[in-house]
Amino acid sequence: MAGRPRRTFTKTQVAKIDRMAKQQCKDHTIADALGIPLETFKGHFRERTHKKRAEGKVELHAAQWRQRTNCTMAIWLGKQYLGQSDQASVQHGVDKSFLDAMKELAGNGNGNGRRNRTDAGR
């Protein structure tokens, strides 16, 4: 056998890894919590944690749908892990009636802000 023997993990350790990954813990956090070197952890669990994080996001999304009261935490978690955000509606441009009113105020609707010659004498 070349190199080190492959490390084995208990069912309890794997269950903890799954739970923490579903809770969106980072690799280094899980590895530190279980006392596993980061590179060893990544070598053994990269694909598994990727899948479990996706499952956790699905569960989080489902929990948001189930919320009926006090959903502040579900909203915050959605922003952190599901890419959700508050979106303000901003409209650009000016209403035609507003422009017409401004033209009227600026000088009888000619839009140049100057009085007509006929208005100058008044």
N, C-alpha and C. Protein backbone atom coordinates (compact mmCIF):
# COMPACT_ATOMS: atom_id res chain seq x y z
N MET A 1 0.85 -1.17 0.00
CA MET A 1 0.00 0.00 0.00
C MET A 1 0.90 1.24 0.00
N ALA A 2 0.66 2.15 -0.89
CA ALA A 2 1.46 3.36 -0.99
C ALA A 2 0.78 4.48 -0.22
N GLY A 3 1.57 5.28 0.49
CA GLY A 3 1.02 6.42 1.21
C GLY A 3 0.31 6.02 2.50
N ARG A 4 -0.41 6.97 3.02
CA ARG A 4 -1.13 6.75 4.27
C ARG A 4 -2.39 5.93 4.04
N PRO A 5 -2.82 5.20 5.06
CA PRO A 5 -4.11 4.50 4.94
C PRO A 5 -5.24 5.52 4.92
N ARG A 6 -6.26 5.22 4.18
CA ARG A 6 -7.41 6.14 4.06
C ARG A 6 -8.10 6.27 5.41
N ARG A 7 -8.40 7.49 5.79
CA ARG A 7 -9.04 7.76 7.08
C ARG A 7 -10.50 7.34 7.02
N THR A 8 -11.00 6.80 8.11
CA THR A 8 -12.40 6.42 8.18
C THR A 8 -13.11 7.32 9.18
N PHE A 9 -14.40 7.49 8.99
CA PHE A 9 -15.21 8.35 9.84
C PHE A 9 -16.39 7.56 10.37
N THR A 10 -16.79 7.88 11.59
CA THR A 10 -17.92 7.17 12.19
C THR A 10 -19.23 7.70 11.62
N LYS A 11 -20.30 6.95 11.81
CA LYS A 11 -21.62 7.40 11.37
C LYS A 11 -22.02 8.69 12.08
N THR A 12 -21.61 8.80 13.34
CA THR A 12 -21.92 10.01 14.10
C THR A 12 -21.21 11.22 13.50
N GLN A 13 -19.95 11.06 13.13
CA GLN A 13 -19.20 12.16 12.50
C GLN A 13 -19.84 12.56 11.17
N VAL A 14 -20.21 11.57 10.37
CA VAL A 14 -20.83 11.86 9.07
C VAL A 14 -22.17 12.56 9.26
N ALA A 15 -22.94 12.15 10.25
CA ALA A 15 -24.23 12.79 10.52
C ALA A 15 -24.03 14.25 10.94
N LYS A 16 -22.99 14.51 11.75
CA LYS A 16 -22.68 15.89 12.16
C LYS A 16 -22.26 16.72 10.95
N ILE A 17 -21.45 16.14 10.08
CA ILE A 17 -21.02 16.84 8.87
C ILE A 17 -22.23 17.19 8.01
N ASP A 18 -23.13 16.23 7.83
CA ASP A 18 -24.33 16.47 7.03
C ASP A 18 -25.16 17.61 7.62
N ARG A 19 -25.37 17.56 8.94
CA ARG A 19 -26.19 18.57 9.62
C ARG A 19 -25.56 19.95 9.48
N MET A 20 -24.26 20.05 9.72
CA MET A 20 -23.59 21.35 9.64
C MET A 20 -23.57 21.88 8.21
N ALA A 21 -23.40 21.00 7.23
CA ALA A 21 -23.41 21.45 5.83
C ALA A 21 -24.80 21.96 5.46
N LYS A 22 -25.85 21.27 5.90
CA LYS A 22 -27.22 21.74 5.63
C LYS A 22 -27.47 23.10 6.26
N GLN A 23 -26.78 23.37 7.37
CA GLN A 23 -26.91 24.66 8.04
C GLN A 23 -25.99 25.72 7.42
N GLN A 24 -25.38 25.39 6.29
CA GLN A 24 -24.53 26.29 5.50
C GLN A 24 -23.21 26.63 6.17
N CYS A 25 -22.72 25.76 7.08
CA CYS A 25 -21.40 25.96 7.68
C CYS A 25 -20.32 25.81 6.60
N LYS A 26 -19.28 26.59 6.71
CA LYS A 26 -18.16 26.51 5.77
C LYS A 26 -17.31 25.28 6.08
N ASP A 27 -16.56 24.82 5.08
CA ASP A 27 -15.71 23.64 5.25
C ASP A 27 -14.77 23.77 6.44
N HIS A 28 -14.11 24.92 6.55
CA HIS A 28 -13.13 25.08 7.63
C HIS A 28 -13.80 25.04 9.00
N THR A 29 -15.04 25.51 9.09
CA THR A 29 -15.76 25.48 10.36
C THR A 29 -16.09 24.04 10.76
N ILE A 30 -16.57 23.26 9.79
CA ILE A 30 -16.91 21.86 10.07
C ILE A 30 -15.65 21.08 10.44
N ALA A 31 -14.59 21.27 9.66
CA ALA A 31 -13.34 20.56 9.92
C ALA A 31 -12.80 20.90 11.31
N ASP A 32 -12.81 22.18 11.66
CA ASP A 32 -12.34 22.60 12.99
C ASP A 32 -13.19 21.99 14.09
N ALA A 33 -14.51 22.00 13.92
CA ALA A 33 -15.42 21.48 14.94
C ALA A 33 -15.19 20.00 15.20
N LEU A 34 -14.79 19.26 14.16
CA LEU A 34 -14.59 17.82 14.30
C LEU A 34 -13.13 17.42 14.46
N GLY A 35 -12.24 18.42 14.45
CA GLY A 35 -10.82 18.14 14.62
C GLY A 35 -10.20 17.41 13.44
N ILE A 36 -10.65 17.73 12.24
CA ILE A 36 -10.15 17.10 11.03
C ILE A 36 -9.34 18.14 10.25
N PRO A 37 -8.15 17.81 9.78
CA PRO A 37 -7.42 18.77 8.94
C PRO A 37 -8.27 19.16 7.72
N LEU A 38 -8.22 20.43 7.36
CA LEU A 38 -9.08 20.95 6.29
C LEU A 38 -8.90 20.19 4.98
N GLU A 39 -7.68 19.94 4.57
CA GLU A 39 -7.45 19.25 3.29
C GLU A 39 -7.98 17.82 3.34
N THR A 40 -7.85 17.17 4.48
CA THR A 40 -8.41 15.82 4.64
C THR A 40 -9.93 15.88 4.52
N PHE A 41 -10.51 16.87 5.20
CA PHE A 41 -11.96 17.04 5.16
C PHE A 41 -12.44 17.25 3.72
N LYS A 42 -11.78 18.17 3.01
CA LYS A 42 -12.18 18.45 1.62
C LYS A 42 -12.02 17.22 0.74
N GLY A 43 -10.95 16.47 0.94
CA GLY A 43 -10.72 15.27 0.14
C GLY A 43 -11.80 14.21 0.32
N HIS A 44 -12.33 14.13 1.51
CA HIS A 44 -13.34 13.11 1.80
C HIS A 44 -14.78 13.59 1.58
N PHE A 45 -15.04 14.89 1.79
CA PHE A 45 -16.43 15.34 1.89
C PHE A 45 -16.82 16.48 0.94
N ARG A 46 -15.98 16.85 0.01
CA ARG A 46 -16.29 17.99 -0.87
C ARG A 46 -17.64 17.82 -1.57
N GLU A 47 -17.85 16.71 -2.24
CA GLU A 47 -19.09 16.49 -2.98
C GLU A 47 -20.28 16.34 -2.04
N ARG A 48 -20.06 15.64 -0.93
CA ARG A 48 -21.15 15.40 0.02
C ARG A 48 -21.64 16.72 0.62
N THR A 49 -20.70 17.59 1.05
CA THR A 49 -21.11 18.86 1.65
C THR A 49 -21.77 19.77 0.62
N HIS A 50 -21.32 19.71 -0.62
CA HIS A 50 -21.95 20.50 -1.68
C HIS A 50 -23.42 20.09 -1.82
N LYS A 51 -23.67 18.79 -1.85
CA LYS A 51 -25.03 18.27 -1.97
C LYS A 51 -25.86 18.63 -0.73
N LYS A 52 -25.29 18.48 0.45
CA LYS A 52 -26.04 18.76 1.68
C LYS A 52 -26.34 20.25 1.81
N ARG A 53 -25.44 21.11 1.36
CA ARG A 53 -25.73 22.55 1.38
C ARG A 53 -26.91 22.86 0.46
N ALA A 54 -26.94 22.23 -0.70
CA ALA A 54 -28.08 22.43 -1.62
C ALA A 54 -29.38 21.95 -0.97
N GLU A 55 -29.34 20.81 -0.30
CA GLU A 55 -30.54 20.31 0.39
C GLU A 55 -30.96 21.29 1.48
N GLY A 56 -30.00 21.85 2.19
CA GLY A 56 -30.31 22.83 3.23
C GLY A 56 -30.98 24.07 2.67
N LYS A 57 -30.55 24.49 1.49
CA LYS A 57 -31.17 25.66 0.85
C LYS A 57 -32.61 25.35 0.45
N VAL A 58 -32.85 24.15 -0.03
CA VAL A 58 -34.23 23.74 -0.37
C VAL A 58 -35.09 23.75 0.89
N GLU A 59 -34.57 23.21 1.98
CA GLU A 59 -35.32 23.19 3.24
C GLU A 59 -35.59 24.61 3.74
N LEU A 60 -34.60 25.49 3.60
CA LEU A 60 -34.77 26.88 4.01
C LEU A 60 -35.86 27.54 3.18
N HIS A 61 -35.83 27.31 1.89
CA HIS A 61 -36.85 27.88 1.01
C HIS A 61 -38.24 27.39 1.39
N ALA A 62 -38.35 26.10 1.69
CA ALA A 62 -39.64 25.53 2.11
C ALA A 62 -40.08 26.14 3.44
N ALA A 63 -39.15 26.36 4.35
CA ALA A 63 -39.48 26.96 5.64
C ALA A 63 -40.02 28.38 5.47
N GLN A 64 -39.47 29.11 4.50
CA GLN A 64 -39.97 30.45 4.23
C GLN A 64 -41.43 30.40 3.79
N TRP A 65 -41.78 29.43 3.00
CA TRP A 65 -43.16 29.30 2.53
C TRP A 65 -44.10 28.94 3.67
N ARG A 66 -43.59 28.18 4.65
CA ARG A 66 -44.42 27.77 5.78
C ARG A 66 -44.61 28.88 6.81
N GLN A 67 -43.75 29.88 6.80
CA GLN A 67 -43.83 30.95 7.80
C GLN A 67 -45.14 31.72 7.64
N ARG A 68 -45.80 31.96 8.76
CA ARG A 68 -47.03 32.76 8.73
C ARG A 68 -46.89 34.01 9.61
N THR A 69 -46.07 33.94 10.64
CA THR A 69 -45.86 35.08 11.54
C THR A 69 -44.38 35.18 11.85
N ASN A 70 -43.97 36.38 12.21
CA ASN A 70 -42.58 36.63 12.61
C ASN A 70 -41.58 35.96 11.68
N CYS A 71 -41.58 36.37 10.45
CA CYS A 71 -40.72 35.73 9.45
C CYS A 71 -39.40 36.47 9.26
N THR A 72 -39.02 37.31 10.19
CA THR A 72 -37.78 38.09 10.06
C THR A 72 -36.56 37.20 9.83
N MET A 73 -36.45 36.13 10.60
CA MET A 73 -35.29 35.24 10.47
C MET A 73 -35.30 34.55 9.11
N ALA A 74 -36.46 34.10 8.64
CA ALA A 74 -36.54 33.44 7.34
C ALA A 74 -36.12 34.41 6.23
N ILE A 75 -36.51 35.67 6.36
CA ILE A 75 -36.12 36.68 5.37
C ILE A 75 -34.61 36.88 5.39
N TRP A 76 -34.04 37.02 6.59
CA TRP A 76 -32.60 37.24 6.71
C TRP A 76 -31.83 36.05 6.14
N LEU A 77 -32.24 34.82 6.49
CA LEU A 77 -31.56 33.64 5.98
C LEU A 77 -31.66 33.55 4.45
N GLY A 78 -32.82 33.92 3.91
CA GLY A 78 -32.98 33.93 2.46
C GLY A 78 -32.02 34.89 1.79
N LYS A 79 -31.82 36.04 2.41
CA LYS A 79 -30.88 37.01 1.86
C LYS A 79 -29.45 36.49 1.94
N GLN A 80 -29.11 35.80 3.02
CA GLN A 80 -27.75 35.30 3.22
C GLN A 80 -27.41 34.13 2.32
N TYR A 81 -28.36 33.19 2.16
CA TYR A 81 -28.02 31.92 1.51
C TYR A 81 -28.77 31.63 0.23
N LEU A 82 -29.85 32.35 -0.05
CA LEU A 82 -30.62 32.06 -1.26
C LEU A 82 -30.53 33.18 -2.29
N GLY A 83 -29.75 34.19 -2.01
CA GLY A 83 -29.57 35.27 -2.97
C GLY A 83 -30.79 36.17 -3.09
N GLN A 84 -31.65 36.17 -2.09
CA GLN A 84 -32.83 37.01 -2.13
C GLN A 84 -32.47 38.41 -1.65
N SER A 85 -33.25 39.41 -2.07
CA SER A 85 -32.99 40.78 -1.64
C SER A 85 -34.27 41.59 -1.71
N ASP A 86 -34.25 42.71 -0.99
CA ASP A 86 -35.34 43.66 -1.10
C ASP A 86 -35.14 44.41 -2.41
N GLN A 87 -36.22 44.62 -3.11
CA GLN A 87 -36.09 45.36 -4.36
C GLN A 87 -37.02 46.56 -4.31
N ALA A 88 -36.41 47.72 -4.38
CA ALA A 88 -37.19 48.95 -4.42
C ALA A 88 -37.54 49.25 -5.87
N SER A 89 -38.73 49.71 -6.07
CA SER A 89 -39.17 50.06 -7.42
C SER A 89 -38.85 51.52 -7.68
N VAL A 90 -37.99 51.75 -8.65
CA VAL A 90 -37.60 53.11 -9.01
C VAL A 90 -37.96 53.31 -10.48
N GLN A 91 -38.72 54.36 -10.72
CA GLN A 91 -39.10 54.66 -12.10
C GLN A 91 -38.33 55.89 -12.56
N HIS A 92 -37.84 55.80 -13.76
CA HIS A 92 -37.12 56.93 -14.34
C HIS A 92 -38.02 57.56 -15.39
N GLY A 93 -37.83 58.83 -15.56
CA GLY A 93 -38.64 59.53 -16.55
C GLY A 93 -39.63 60.45 -15.86
N VAL A 94 -40.29 61.24 -16.66
CA VAL A 94 -41.20 62.23 -16.14
C VAL A 94 -42.54 62.07 -16.84
N ASP A 95 -43.59 62.20 -16.08
CA ASP A 95 -44.95 62.11 -16.60
C ASP A 95 -45.21 63.28 -17.56
N LYS A 96 -45.90 63.02 -18.66
CA LYS A 96 -46.18 64.06 -19.67
C LYS A 96 -46.96 65.22 -19.07
N SER A 97 -47.92 64.95 -18.20
CA SER A 97 -48.70 66.03 -17.60
C SER A 97 -47.81 66.94 -16.75
N PHE A 98 -46.81 66.35 -16.10
CA PHE A 98 -45.87 67.15 -15.32
C PHE A 98 -45.06 68.05 -16.25
N LEU A 99 -44.58 67.49 -17.36
CA LEU A 99 -43.83 68.31 -18.32
C LEU A 99 -44.67 69.45 -18.86
N ASP A 100 -45.91 69.15 -19.18
CA ASP A 100 -46.80 70.20 -19.69
C ASP A 100 -46.99 71.30 -18.66
N ALA A 101 -47.16 70.92 -17.39
CA ALA A 101 -47.34 71.92 -16.33
C ALA A 101 -46.08 72.76 -16.18
N MET A 102 -44.91 72.13 -16.26
CA MET A 102 -43.66 72.88 -16.14
C MET A 102 -43.48 73.85 -17.31
N LYS A 103 -43.84 73.41 -18.50
CA LYS A 103 -43.76 74.29 -19.66
C LYS A 103 -44.68 75.49 -19.49
N GLU A 104 -45.85 75.22 -18.97
CA GLU A 104 -46.81 76.30 -18.75
C GLU A 104 -46.27 77.31 -17.76
N LEU A 105 -45.67 76.82 -16.69
CA LEU A 105 -45.10 77.72 -15.69
C LEU A 105 -43.90 78.49 -16.25
N ALA A 106 -43.18 77.86 -17.16
CA ALA A 106 -41.97 78.48 -17.71
C ALA A 106 -42.28 79.54 -18.76
N GLY A 107 -43.44 79.57 -19.28
CA GLY A 107 -43.70 80.61 -20.26
C GLY A 107 -44.68 80.20 -21.34
N ASN A 108 -45.90 80.03 -21.01
CA ASN A 108 -46.98 79.78 -21.96
C ASN A 108 -46.78 78.57 -22.84
N GLY A 109 -46.11 77.58 -22.35
CA GLY A 109 -46.04 76.31 -23.07
C GLY A 109 -45.01 76.25 -24.17
N ASN A 110 -44.17 77.30 -24.35
CA ASN A 110 -43.17 77.20 -25.40
C ASN A 110 -41.94 76.43 -24.95
N GLY A 111 -41.82 76.14 -23.64
CA GLY A 111 -40.79 75.25 -23.13
C GLY A 111 -39.40 75.83 -23.07
N ASN A 112 -39.20 77.09 -23.50
CA ASN A 112 -37.84 77.62 -23.48
C ASN A 112 -37.56 78.46 -22.23
N GLY A 113 -38.52 78.60 -21.36
CA GLY A 113 -38.29 79.32 -20.12
C GLY A 113 -38.29 80.83 -20.28
N ARG A 114 -38.50 81.33 -21.51
CA ARG A 114 -38.53 82.78 -21.76
C ARG A 114 -39.94 83.20 -22.09
N ARG A 115 -40.21 84.41 -21.84
CA ARG A 115 -41.52 84.93 -22.21
C ARG A 115 -41.54 85.25 -23.69
N ASN A 116 -42.68 85.09 -24.30
CA ASN A 116 -42.82 85.49 -25.70
C ASN A 116 -42.76 87.00 -25.77
N ARG A 117 -42.44 87.55 -26.94
CA ARG A 117 -42.38 89.01 -27.13
C ARG A 117 -43.70 89.66 -26.79
N THR A 118 -44.76 88.95 -27.07
CA THR A 118 -46.07 89.55 -26.81
C THR A 118 -46.34 89.60 -25.31
N ASP A 119 -45.68 88.72 -24.54
CA ASP A 119 -45.87 88.73 -23.11
C ASP A 119 -44.97 89.76 -22.42
N ALA A 120 -43.91 90.20 -23.09
CA ALA A 120 -42.93 91.08 -22.47
C ALA A 120 -43.53 92.41 -22.07
N GLY A 121 -44.45 92.90 -22.82
CA GLY A 121 -45.04 94.19 -22.53
C GLY A 121 -46.12 94.12 -21.48
N ARG A 122 -46.54 93.02 -21.09
CA ARG A 122 -47.64 92.91 -20.14
C ARG A 122 -47.20 93.01 -18.73
